[in-house]
Amino acid sequence: MDSKKILYITGSVLLTFGFLYGAYLMTNKQEVVYFESLTKLDSTDNAKWSKDKKNLLIKYSDFECPACATYHNLITSLSENKDNKDIVDKVTFVYRHFPLDQIHKNARVAAYASEAASNQGKFYEFHDKLFDNQAEWSSIANPLAIFEKYAKDLNLDIKKFNDDSKLDATKEKVQSDYVSGLNASVDGTPTFYLNGKKISFGSAAELEKLLRAEPE
């Protein structure tokens, strides 16, 4: 085989390889998952941090999920760090319910209890108790007595708390959160969205970087 033919074949192979590699990079580029519906608050959302509501960090979560408890601790450490005051002043944090009923039998009733506490202005206080004491209530047959104890610790009106836990409106709120998660392609907990974009992180430092990079 003459040298010209060898060079021609070699060039063709390299060109084909280059084309295929370029196509691979394009098709395997990480896709940005974005949902316009997650760029604004719902009237029933439980929100904290910034009151500006310009930058929304939405967390779909299950109170019985161990990974959710871990990320709860991570977010708490971030928000309580005085060096992160700029983030707390800039970002509005929103908790939405996504109970995994098939594997977490108490998750939905815990969500109902948290919404009952929300009706008395204590959603995040009750939310913290659920995560901080997850091992106490997550595996028992009926956690309602423990939830009532948490409500007493927070000086809630216990009759109203118990009644509100059973309201159709309470159940509809939790289910509405769950459906909005399904519509946003949530398939596990916790799942986070920042201004409509699905994000992932493994440390408080990584989350801080994401939140600081978001424009005002």
C-alpha atoms as a PDB file:
ATOM      1  CA  MET A   1       0.000   0.000   0.000  1.00  0.00           C
ATOM      2  CA  ASP A   2       1.521   3.342  -1.019  1.00  0.00           C
ATOM      3  CA  SER A   3       2.173   6.113   1.491  1.00  0.00           C
ATOM      4  CA  LYS A   4      -0.532   8.424   0.098  1.00  0.00           C
ATOM      5  CA  LYS A   5      -3.197   5.788   0.630  1.00  0.00           C
ATOM      6  CA  ILE A   6      -1.981   5.123   4.158  1.00  0.00           C
ATOM      7  CA  LEU A   7      -2.116   8.846   4.966  1.00  0.00           C
ATOM      8  CA  TYR A   8      -5.609   9.087   3.466  1.00  0.00           C
ATOM      9  CA  ILE A   9      -6.926   6.165   5.527  1.00  0.00           C
ATOM     10  CA  THR A  10      -5.249   7.465   8.686  1.00  0.00           C
ATOM     11  CA  GLY A  11      -6.716  10.927   8.162  1.00  0.00           C
ATOM     12  CA  SER A  12     -10.186   9.511   7.573  1.00  0.00           C
ATOM     13  CA  VAL A  13      -9.982   7.453  10.764  1.00  0.00           C
ATOM     14  CA  LEU A  14      -8.849  10.457  12.806  1.00  0.00           C
ATOM     15  CA  LEU A  15     -11.550  12.655  11.313  1.00  0.00           C
ATOM     16  CA  THR A  16     -14.230  10.070  12.096  1.00  0.00           C
ATOM     17  CA  PHE A  17     -12.915   9.649  15.630  1.00  0.00           C
ATOM     18  CA  GLY A  18     -12.915  13.418  16.122  1.00  0.00           C
ATOM     19  CA  PHE A  19     -16.502  13.688  14.906  1.00  0.00           C
ATOM     20  CA  LEU A  20     -17.689  10.850  17.150  1.00  0.00           C
ATOM     21  CA  TYR A  21     -15.866  12.287  20.183  1.00  0.00           C
ATOM     22  CA  GLY A  22     -17.387  15.708  19.555  1.00  0.00           C
ATOM     23  CA  ALA A  23     -20.830  14.150  19.286  1.00  0.00           C
ATOM     24  CA  TYR A  24     -20.214  12.275  22.544  1.00  0.00           C
ATOM     25  CA  LEU A  25     -19.319  15.489  24.372  1.00  0.00           C
ATOM     26  CA  MET A  26     -22.397  17.249  23.047  1.00  0.00           C
ATOM     27  CA  THR A  27     -24.827  14.458  23.914  1.00  0.00           C
ATOM     28  CA  ASN A  28     -23.311  13.872  27.357  1.00  0.00           C
ATOM     29  CA  LYS A  29     -23.206  17.505  28.400  1.00  0.00           C
ATOM     30  CA  GLN A  30     -24.967  17.874  31.738  1.00  0.00           C
ATOM     31  CA  GLU A  31     -28.526  19.006  31.136  1.00  0.00           C
ATOM     32  CA  VAL A  32     -29.884  21.929  33.105  1.00  0.00           C
ATOM     33  CA  VAL A  33     -33.265  20.879  34.482  1.00  0.00           C
ATOM     34  CA  TYR A  34     -35.490  23.937  34.822  1.00  0.00           C
ATOM     35  CA  PHE A  35     -39.120  24.468  35.856  1.00  0.00           C
ATOM     36  CA  GLU A  36     -40.713  27.890  35.474  1.00  0.00           C
ATOM     37  CA  SER A  37     -43.358  26.937  38.053  1.00  0.00           C
ATOM     38  CA  LEU A  38     -40.651  26.776  40.746  1.00  0.00           C
ATOM     39  CA  THR A  39     -39.608  30.408  40.329  1.00  0.00           C
ATOM     40  CA  LYS A  40     -42.461  31.780  42.424  1.00  0.00           C
ATOM     41  CA  LEU A  41     -44.068  31.037  45.761  1.00  0.00           C
ATOM     42  CA  ASP A  42     -47.448  29.406  46.237  1.00  0.00           C
ATOM     43  CA  SER A  43     -49.791  31.100  48.688  1.00  0.00           C
ATOM     44  CA  THR A  44     -49.565  28.094  51.039  1.00  0.00           C
ATOM     45  CA  ASP A  45     -45.773  27.742  51.007  1.00  0.00           C
ATOM     46  CA  ASN A  46     -43.826  27.644  54.257  1.00  0.00           C
ATOM     47  CA  ALA A  47     -40.976  30.082  53.652  1.00  0.00           C
ATOM     48  CA  LYS A  48     -38.183  31.582  55.736  1.00  0.00           C
ATOM     49  CA  TRP A  49     -34.934  33.572  55.401  1.00  0.00           C
ATOM     50  CA  SER A  50     -35.253  36.451  52.933  1.00  0.00           C
ATOM     51  CA  LYS A  51     -38.603  38.208  52.632  1.00  0.00           C
ATOM     52  CA  ASP A  52     -37.683  39.574  49.194  1.00  0.00           C
ATOM     53  CA  LYS A  53     -38.722  36.319  47.463  1.00  0.00           C
ATOM     54  CA  LYS A  54     -36.378  37.045  44.537  1.00  0.00           C
ATOM     55  CA  ASN A  55     -34.242  33.910  44.874  1.00  0.00           C
ATOM     56  CA  LEU A  56     -36.108  30.740  45.853  1.00  0.00           C
ATOM     57  CA  LEU A  57     -34.411  27.634  47.226  1.00  0.00           C
ATOM     58  CA  ILE A  58     -37.138  24.977  47.245  1.00  0.00           C
ATOM     59  CA  LYS A  59     -36.598  21.683  49.031  1.00  0.00           C
ATOM     60  CA  TYR A  60     -38.857  18.686  48.410  1.00  0.00           C
ATOM     61  CA  SER A  61     -38.506  16.544  51.484  1.00  0.00           C
ATOM     62  CA  ASP A  62     -39.843  13.712  53.635  1.00  0.00           C
ATOM     63  CA  PHE A  63     -39.684  14.071  57.429  1.00  0.00           C
ATOM     64  CA  GLU A  64     -38.939  10.354  57.878  1.00  0.00           C
ATOM     65  CA  CYS A  65     -36.137  10.259  55.293  1.00  0.00           C
ATOM     66  CA  PRO A  66     -32.653   9.891  56.892  1.00  0.00           C
ATOM     67  CA  ALA A  67     -30.955  11.722  53.999  1.00  0.00           C
ATOM     68  CA  CYS A  68     -33.404  14.604  54.460  1.00  0.00           C
ATOM     69  CA  ALA A  69     -32.400  14.828  58.122  1.00  0.00           C
ATOM     70  CA  THR A  70     -28.744  14.988  57.103  1.00  0.00           C
ATOM     71  CA  TYR A  71     -29.415  17.800  54.646  1.00  0.00           C
ATOM     72  CA  HIS A  72     -31.551  19.544  57.275  1.00  0.00           C
ATOM     73  CA  ASN A  73     -28.481  19.649  59.518  1.00  0.00           C
ATOM     74  CA  LEU A  74     -26.368  20.921  56.621  1.00  0.00           C
ATOM     75  CA  ILE A  75     -28.784  23.750  55.821  1.00  0.00           C
ATOM     76  CA  THR A  76     -29.146  24.629  59.496  1.00  0.00           C
ATOM     77  CA  SER A  77     -25.369  24.902  59.863  1.00  0.00           C
ATOM     78  CA  LEU A  78     -25.256  27.152  56.806  1.00  0.00           C
ATOM     79  CA  SER A  79     -27.999  29.476  58.009  1.00  0.00           C
ATOM     80  CA  GLU A  80     -26.634  29.730  61.555  1.00  0.00           C
ATOM     81  CA  ASN A  81     -23.148  30.683  60.344  1.00  0.00           C
ATOM     82  CA  LYS A  82     -22.830  34.457  60.788  1.00  0.00           C
ATOM     83  CA  ASP A  83     -20.596  34.606  57.726  1.00  0.00           C
ATOM     84  CA  ASN A  84     -23.597  33.557  55.629  1.00  0.00           C
ATOM     85  CA  LYS A  85     -25.866  36.442  56.596  1.00  0.00           C
ATOM     86  CA  ASP A  86     -25.648  37.693  53.002  1.00  0.00           C
ATOM     87  CA  ILE A  87     -27.124  34.388  51.776  1.00  0.00           C
ATOM     88  CA  VAL A  88     -29.957  34.358  54.310  1.00  0.00           C
ATOM     89  CA  ASP A  89     -30.758  37.980  53.402  1.00  0.00           C
ATOM     90  CA  LYS A  90     -30.763  37.140  49.683  1.00  0.00           C
ATOM     91  CA  VAL A  91     -32.398  33.679  49.426  1.00  0.00           C
ATOM     92  CA  THR A  92     -35.890  32.566  50.442  1.00  0.00           C
ATOM     93  CA  PHE A  93     -35.957  28.949  51.643  1.00  0.00           C
ATOM     94  CA  VAL A  94     -39.122  26.925  51.001  1.00  0.00           C
ATOM     95  CA  TYR A  95     -39.995  23.470  52.365  1.00  0.00           C
ATOM     96  CA  ARG A  96     -42.398  21.345  50.322  1.00  0.00           C
ATOM     97  CA  HIS A  97     -43.734  17.947  51.317  1.00  0.00           C
ATOM     98  CA  PHE A  98     -42.869  14.835  49.331  1.00  0.00           C
ATOM     99  CA  PRO A  99     -43.746  11.900  51.621  1.00  0.00           C
ATOM    100  CA  LEU A 100     -42.504   8.557  50.325  1.00  0.00           C
ATOM    101  CA  ASP A 101     -45.491   6.574  51.564  1.00  0.00           C
ATOM    102  CA  GLN A 102     -44.346   3.163  50.346  1.00  0.00           C
ATOM    103  CA  ILE A 103     -41.215   3.154  52.500  1.00  0.00           C
ATOM    104  CA  HIS A 104     -41.918   5.764  55.209  1.00  0.00           C
ATOM    105  CA  LYS A 105     -45.196   4.917  56.916  1.00  0.00           C
ATOM    106  CA  ASN A 106     -45.205   7.932  59.260  1.00  0.00           C
ATOM    107  CA  ALA A 107     -44.007  10.585  56.810  1.00  0.00           C
ATOM    108  CA  ARG A 108     -47.435  11.799  55.736  1.00  0.00           C
ATOM    109  CA  VAL A 109     -48.892  12.088  59.254  1.00  0.00           C
ATOM    110  CA  ALA A 110     -45.741  13.982  60.237  1.00  0.00           C
ATOM    111  CA  ALA A 111     -46.396  16.346  57.333  1.00  0.00           C
ATOM    112  CA  TYR A 112     -49.981  16.835  58.521  1.00  0.00           C
ATOM    113  CA  ALA A 113     -48.729  17.636  62.026  1.00  0.00           C
ATOM    114  CA  SER A 114     -46.232  20.183  60.692  1.00  0.00           C
ATOM    115  CA  GLU A 115     -49.012  21.928  58.763  1.00  0.00           C
ATOM    116  CA  ALA A 116     -51.145  22.007  61.900  1.00  0.00           C
ATOM    117  CA  ALA A 117     -48.227  23.713  63.633  1.00  0.00           C
ATOM    118  CA  SER A 118     -47.940  26.085  60.664  1.00  0.00           C
ATOM    119  CA  ASN A 119     -51.523  27.226  61.313  1.00  0.00           C
ATOM    120  CA  GLN A 120     -50.219  28.551  64.646  1.00  0.00           C
ATOM    121  CA  GLY A 121     -47.123  30.142  63.131  1.00  0.00           C
ATOM    122  CA  LYS A 122     -44.709  27.410  64.221  1.00  0.00           C
ATOM    123  CA  PHE A 123     -44.024  25.394  61.069  1.00  0.00           C
ATOM    124  CA  TYR A 124     -40.226  25.562  61.142  1.00  0.00           C
ATOM    125  CA  GLU A 125     -40.048  25.072  64.899  1.00  0.00           C
ATOM    126  CA  PHE A 126     -42.055  21.858  64.504  1.00  0.00           C
ATOM    127  CA  HIS A 127     -40.098  20.946  61.349  1.00  0.00           C
ATOM    128  CA  ASP A 128     -36.874  21.147  63.380  1.00  0.00           C
ATOM    129  CA  LYS A 129     -38.255  18.931  66.119  1.00  0.00           C
ATOM    130  CA  LEU A 130     -39.291  16.296  63.599  1.00  0.00           C
ATOM    131  CA  PHE A 131     -35.848  16.141  62.027  1.00  0.00           C
ATOM    132  CA  ASP A 132     -33.877  16.499  65.258  1.00  0.00           C
ATOM    133  CA  ASN A 133     -35.853  13.649  66.862  1.00  0.00           C
ATOM    134  CA  GLN A 134     -36.453  11.504  63.776  1.00  0.00           C
ATOM    135  CA  ALA A 135     -35.263   8.305  65.466  1.00  0.00           C
ATOM    136  CA  GLU A 136     -37.824   8.759  68.255  1.00  0.00           C
ATOM    137  CA  TRP A 137     -40.985   8.722  66.114  1.00  0.00           C
ATOM    138  CA  SER A 138     -40.142   7.312  62.678  1.00  0.00           C
ATOM    139  CA  SER A 139     -40.363   3.605  63.484  1.00  0.00           C
ATOM    140  CA  ILE A 140     -43.253   3.409  65.948  1.00  0.00           C
ATOM    141  CA  ALA A 141     -46.773   2.299  65.061  1.00  0.00           C
ATOM    142  CA  ASN A 142     -48.536   5.511  66.093  1.00  0.00           C
ATOM    143  CA  PRO A 143     -46.438   8.684  66.480  1.00  0.00           C
ATOM    144  CA  LEU A 144     -49.355  11.038  67.232  1.00  0.00           C
ATOM    145  CA  ALA A 145     -48.707  11.153  70.986  1.00  0.00           C
ATOM    146  CA  ILE A 146     -45.104  12.169  70.319  1.00  0.00           C
ATOM    147  CA  PHE A 147     -46.238  14.854  67.879  1.00  0.00           C
ATOM    148  CA  GLU A 148     -48.591  16.169  70.531  1.00  0.00           C
ATOM    149  CA  LYS A 149     -45.661  16.326  72.966  1.00  0.00           C
ATOM    150  CA  TYR A 150     -43.687  18.418  70.450  1.00  0.00           C
ATOM    151  CA  ALA A 151     -46.708  20.692  70.090  1.00  0.00           C
ATOM    152  CA  LYS A 152     -46.859  21.149  73.867  1.00  0.00           C
ATOM    153  CA  ASP A 153     -43.131  21.940  73.929  1.00  0.00           C
ATOM    154  CA  LEU A 154     -43.862  24.734  71.442  1.00  0.00           C
ATOM    155  CA  ASN A 155     -46.793  26.018  73.528  1.00  0.00           C
ATOM    156  CA  LEU A 156     -49.329  25.321  70.797  1.00  0.00           C
ATOM    157  CA  ASP A 157     -53.065  25.103  71.392  1.00  0.00           C
ATOM    158  CA  ILE A 158     -53.280  21.307  71.551  1.00  0.00           C
ATOM    159  CA  LYS A 159     -56.955  20.970  70.653  1.00  0.00           C
ATOM    160  CA  LYS A 160     -56.505  23.169  67.593  1.00  0.00           C
ATOM    161  CA  PHE A 161     -53.305  21.313  66.706  1.00  0.00           C
ATOM    162  CA  ASN A 162     -55.033  17.918  66.832  1.00  0.00           C
ATOM    163  CA  ASP A 163     -58.089  19.186  64.968  1.00  0.00           C
ATOM    164  CA  ASP A 164     -56.024  20.909  62.264  1.00  0.00           C
ATOM    165  CA  SER A 165     -53.948  17.776  61.708  1.00  0.00           C
ATOM    166  CA  LYS A 166     -57.127  16.050  60.516  1.00  0.00           C
ATOM    167  CA  LEU A 167     -58.527  18.820  58.316  1.00  0.00           C
ATOM    168  CA  ASP A 168     -59.145  18.154  54.635  1.00  0.00           C
ATOM    169  CA  ALA A 169     -57.321  21.427  53.899  1.00  0.00           C
ATOM    170  CA  THR A 170     -54.237  20.091  55.673  1.00  0.00           C
ATOM    171  CA  LYS A 171     -54.283  16.867  53.687  1.00  0.00           C
ATOM    172  CA  GLU A 172     -54.874  18.776  50.455  1.00  0.00           C
ATOM    173  CA  LYS A 173     -51.880  21.045  51.158  1.00  0.00           C
ATOM    174  CA  VAL A 174     -49.544  18.067  51.618  1.00  0.00           C
ATOM    175  CA  GLN A 175     -50.894  16.334  48.533  1.00  0.00           C
ATOM    176  CA  SER A 176     -50.614  19.543  46.504  1.00  0.00           C
ATOM    177  CA  ASP A 177     -46.918  19.792  47.426  1.00  0.00           C
ATOM    178  CA  TYR A 178     -46.444  16.152  46.471  1.00  0.00           C
ATOM    179  CA  VAL A 179     -48.098  16.601  43.075  1.00  0.00           C
ATOM    180  CA  SER A 180     -46.053  19.725  42.355  1.00  0.00           C
ATOM    181  CA  GLY A 181     -42.965  17.626  43.077  1.00  0.00           C
ATOM    182  CA  LEU A 182     -44.084  14.953  40.642  1.00  0.00           C
ATOM    183  CA  ASN A 183     -44.646  17.654  38.028  1.00  0.00           C
ATOM    184  CA  ALA A 184     -41.099  18.864  38.647  1.00  0.00           C
ATOM    185  CA  SER A 185     -39.641  15.371  38.119  1.00  0.00           C
ATOM    186  CA  VAL A 186     -38.858  14.762  41.796  1.00  0.00           C
ATOM    187  CA  ASP A 187     -38.079  11.051  42.135  1.00  0.00           C
ATOM    188  CA  GLY A 188     -36.432  10.984  45.552  1.00  0.00           C
ATOM    189  CA  THR A 189     -35.770  13.048  48.643  1.00  0.00           C
ATOM    190  CA  PRO A 190     -34.374  15.505  49.262  1.00  0.00           C
ATOM    191  CA  THR A 191     -34.508  17.299  45.911  1.00  0.00           C
ATOM    192  CA  PHE A 192     -33.563  20.962  45.608  1.00  0.00           C
ATOM    193  CA  TYR A 193     -34.366  23.696  43.098  1.00  0.00           C
ATOM    194  CA  LEU A 194     -32.779  27.139  42.971  1.00  0.00           C
ATOM    195  CA  ASN A 195     -34.859  29.613  40.968  1.00  0.00           C
ATOM    196  CA  GLY A 196     -36.391  26.754  39.033  1.00  0.00           C
ATOM    197  CA  LYS A 197     -33.132  24.895  38.352  1.00  0.00           C
ATOM    198  CA  LYS A 198     -32.526  21.491  39.911  1.00  0.00           C
ATOM    199  CA  ILE A 199     -29.282  21.572  41.913  1.00  0.00           C
ATOM    200  CA  SER A 200     -27.179  19.048  43.795  1.00  0.00           C
ATOM    201  CA  PHE A 201     -24.503  19.498  46.441  1.00  0.00           C
ATOM    202  CA  GLY A 202     -22.730  17.415  49.037  1.00  0.00           C
ATOM    203  CA  SER A 203     -21.607  19.990  51.583  1.00  0.00           C
ATOM    204  CA  ALA A 204     -22.554  23.336  53.081  1.00  0.00           C
ATOM    205  CA  ALA A 205     -19.605  24.893  51.240  1.00  0.00           C
ATOM    206  CA  GLU A 206     -20.923  23.663  47.883  1.00  0.00           C
ATOM    207  CA  LEU A 207     -24.386  25.023  48.652  1.00  0.00           C
ATOM    208  CA  GLU A 208     -22.937  28.368  49.751  1.00  0.00           C
ATOM    209  CA  LYS A 209     -21.116  28.640  46.435  1.00  0.00           C
ATOM    210  CA  LEU A 210     -24.302  27.915  44.479  1.00  0.00           C
ATOM    211  CA  LEU A 211     -26.337  30.430  46.448  1.00  0.00           C
ATOM    212  CA  ARG A 212     -23.739  33.178  46.208  1.00  0.00           C
ATOM    213  CA  ALA A 213     -23.388  32.658  42.455  1.00  0.00           C
ATOM    214  CA  GLU A 214     -27.089  33.264  41.874  1.00  0.00           C
ATOM    215  CA  PRO A 215     -27.768  36.825  40.655  1.00  0.00           C
ATOM    216  CA  GLU A 216     -29.773  39.263  42.740  1.00  0.00           C
END
